[in-house]
Amino acid sequence: MALKKELLDILACPKCKGDIRLNESESGLICDNCKLLYHIKDDIPIMLIDEAETLRD
C-alpha cells in the first residue's frame, strides 16, 4: 500500500520544515532543500533526521 496523497500533503521535512516528495521507486521521501531521503518501511515514513540518508548531487 502506497502512502495516501492526503498524508503526503501534510508531511514536511523535520529539518527545514519544507516540502517533501515521494521518490520514483516510492521507497522514500525526498527533501530537495536538505538533500535528504527519508525511507519508508512497512508503509510508515521514518521522519527522523538521524535516520535520513544524505543524497548526492
C-alpha atoms as a PDB file:
ATOM      1  CA  MET A   1       0.000   0.000   0.000  1.00  0.00           C
ATOM      2  CA  ALA A   2       1.428   3.357  -1.011  1.00  0.00           C
ATOM      3  CA  LEU A   3       1.189   6.460   1.105  1.00  0.00           C
ATOM      4  CA  LYS A   4      -2.043   8.329   0.670  1.00  0.00           C
ATOM      5  CA  LYS A   5      -1.937  11.696  -1.058  1.00  0.00           C
ATOM      6  CA  GLU A   6      -3.554  13.320   1.995  1.00  0.00           C
ATOM      7  CA  LEU A   7      -0.622  12.187   4.156  1.00  0.00           C
ATOM      8  CA  LEU A   8       1.940  13.389   1.628  1.00  0.00           C
ATOM      9  CA  ASP A   9       0.220  16.782   1.528  1.00  0.00           C
ATOM     10  CA  ILE A  10       0.663  17.359   5.284  1.00  0.00           C
ATOM     11  CA  LEU A  11       4.131  15.862   5.809  1.00  0.00           C
ATOM     12  CA  ALA A  12       7.095  18.239   5.920  1.00  0.00           C
ATOM     13  CA  CYS A  13      10.816  17.793   6.295  1.00  0.00           C
ATOM     14  CA  PRO A  14      11.581  17.702  10.032  1.00  0.00           C
ATOM     15  CA  LYS A  15      14.869  19.551   9.480  1.00  0.00           C
ATOM     16  CA  CYS A  16      13.830  22.571   7.384  1.00  0.00           C
ATOM     17  CA  LYS A  17      10.008  22.229   7.549  1.00  0.00           C
ATOM     18  CA  GLY A  18       9.975  22.373   3.731  1.00  0.00           C
ATOM     19  CA  ASP A  19       8.086  20.302   1.202  1.00  0.00           C
ATOM     20  CA  ILE A  20       8.930  16.667   0.573  1.00  0.00           C
ATOM     21  CA  ARG A  21       8.117  14.437  -2.356  1.00  0.00           C
ATOM     22  CA  LEU A  22       7.893  10.725  -2.997  1.00  0.00           C
ATOM     23  CA  ASN A  23      10.902   9.273  -4.835  1.00  0.00           C
ATOM     24  CA  GLU A  24      10.494   7.386  -8.111  1.00  0.00           C
ATOM     25  CA  SER A  25      10.565   3.916  -6.535  1.00  0.00           C
ATOM     26  CA  GLU A  26       8.124   5.072  -3.810  1.00  0.00           C
ATOM     27  CA  SER A  27      10.537   3.759  -1.170  1.00  0.00           C
ATOM     28  CA  GLY A  28      11.247   7.104   0.429  1.00  0.00           C
ATOM     29  CA  LEU A  29      10.507  10.787   0.745  1.00  0.00           C
ATOM     30  CA  ILE A  30      12.933  13.393  -0.560  1.00  0.00           C
ATOM     31  CA  CYS A  31      13.573  16.895   0.729  1.00  0.00           C
ATOM     32  CA  ASP A  32      15.198  18.794  -2.134  1.00  0.00           C
ATOM     33  CA  ASN A  33      16.238  21.670   0.170  1.00  0.00           C
ATOM     34  CA  CYS A  34      18.189  19.496   2.626  1.00  0.00           C
ATOM     35  CA  LYS A  35      19.149  16.799   0.096  1.00  0.00           C
ATOM     36  CA  LEU A  36      17.818  14.113   2.452  1.00  0.00           C
ATOM     37  CA  LEU A  37      15.964  10.870   1.779  1.00  0.00           C
ATOM     38  CA  TYR A  38      13.604   9.646   4.488  1.00  0.00           C
ATOM     39  CA  HIS A  39      12.986   5.931   3.996  1.00  0.00           C
ATOM     40  CA  ILE A  40       9.554   4.308   4.119  1.00  0.00           C
ATOM     41  CA  LYS A  41       9.412   0.981   5.984  1.00  0.00           C
ATOM     42  CA  ASP A  42       6.228  -1.101   6.140  1.00  0.00           C
ATOM     43  CA  ASP A  43       4.285   1.861   4.677  1.00  0.00           C
ATOM     44  CA  ILE A  44       5.475   4.122   7.513  1.00  0.00           C
ATOM     45  CA  PRO A  45       7.696   7.107   6.701  1.00  0.00           C
ATOM     46  CA  ILE A  46      10.702   7.269   9.038  1.00  0.00           C
ATOM     47  CA  MET A  47      10.871  11.020   9.547  1.00  0.00           C
ATOM     48  CA  LEU A  48      13.924  11.105  11.833  1.00  0.00           C
ATOM     49  CA  ILE A  49      16.799  13.344  10.771  1.00  0.00           C
ATOM     50  CA  ASP A  50      19.389  10.918  12.167  1.00  0.00           C
ATOM     51  CA  GLU A  51      17.871   8.062  10.130  1.00  0.00           C
ATOM     52  CA  ALA A  52      17.751  10.033   6.849  1.00  0.00           C
ATOM     53  CA  GLU A  53      20.160   9.329   4.012  1.00  0.00           C
ATOM     54  CA  THR A  54      22.110  12.219   2.506  1.00  0.00           C
ATOM     55  CA  LEU A  55      21.625  12.477  -1.258  1.00  0.00           C
ATOM     56  CA  ARG A  56      24.464  13.282  -3.603  1.00  0.00           C
ATOM     57  CA  ASP A  57      24.169  15.818  -6.393  1.00  0.00           C
END
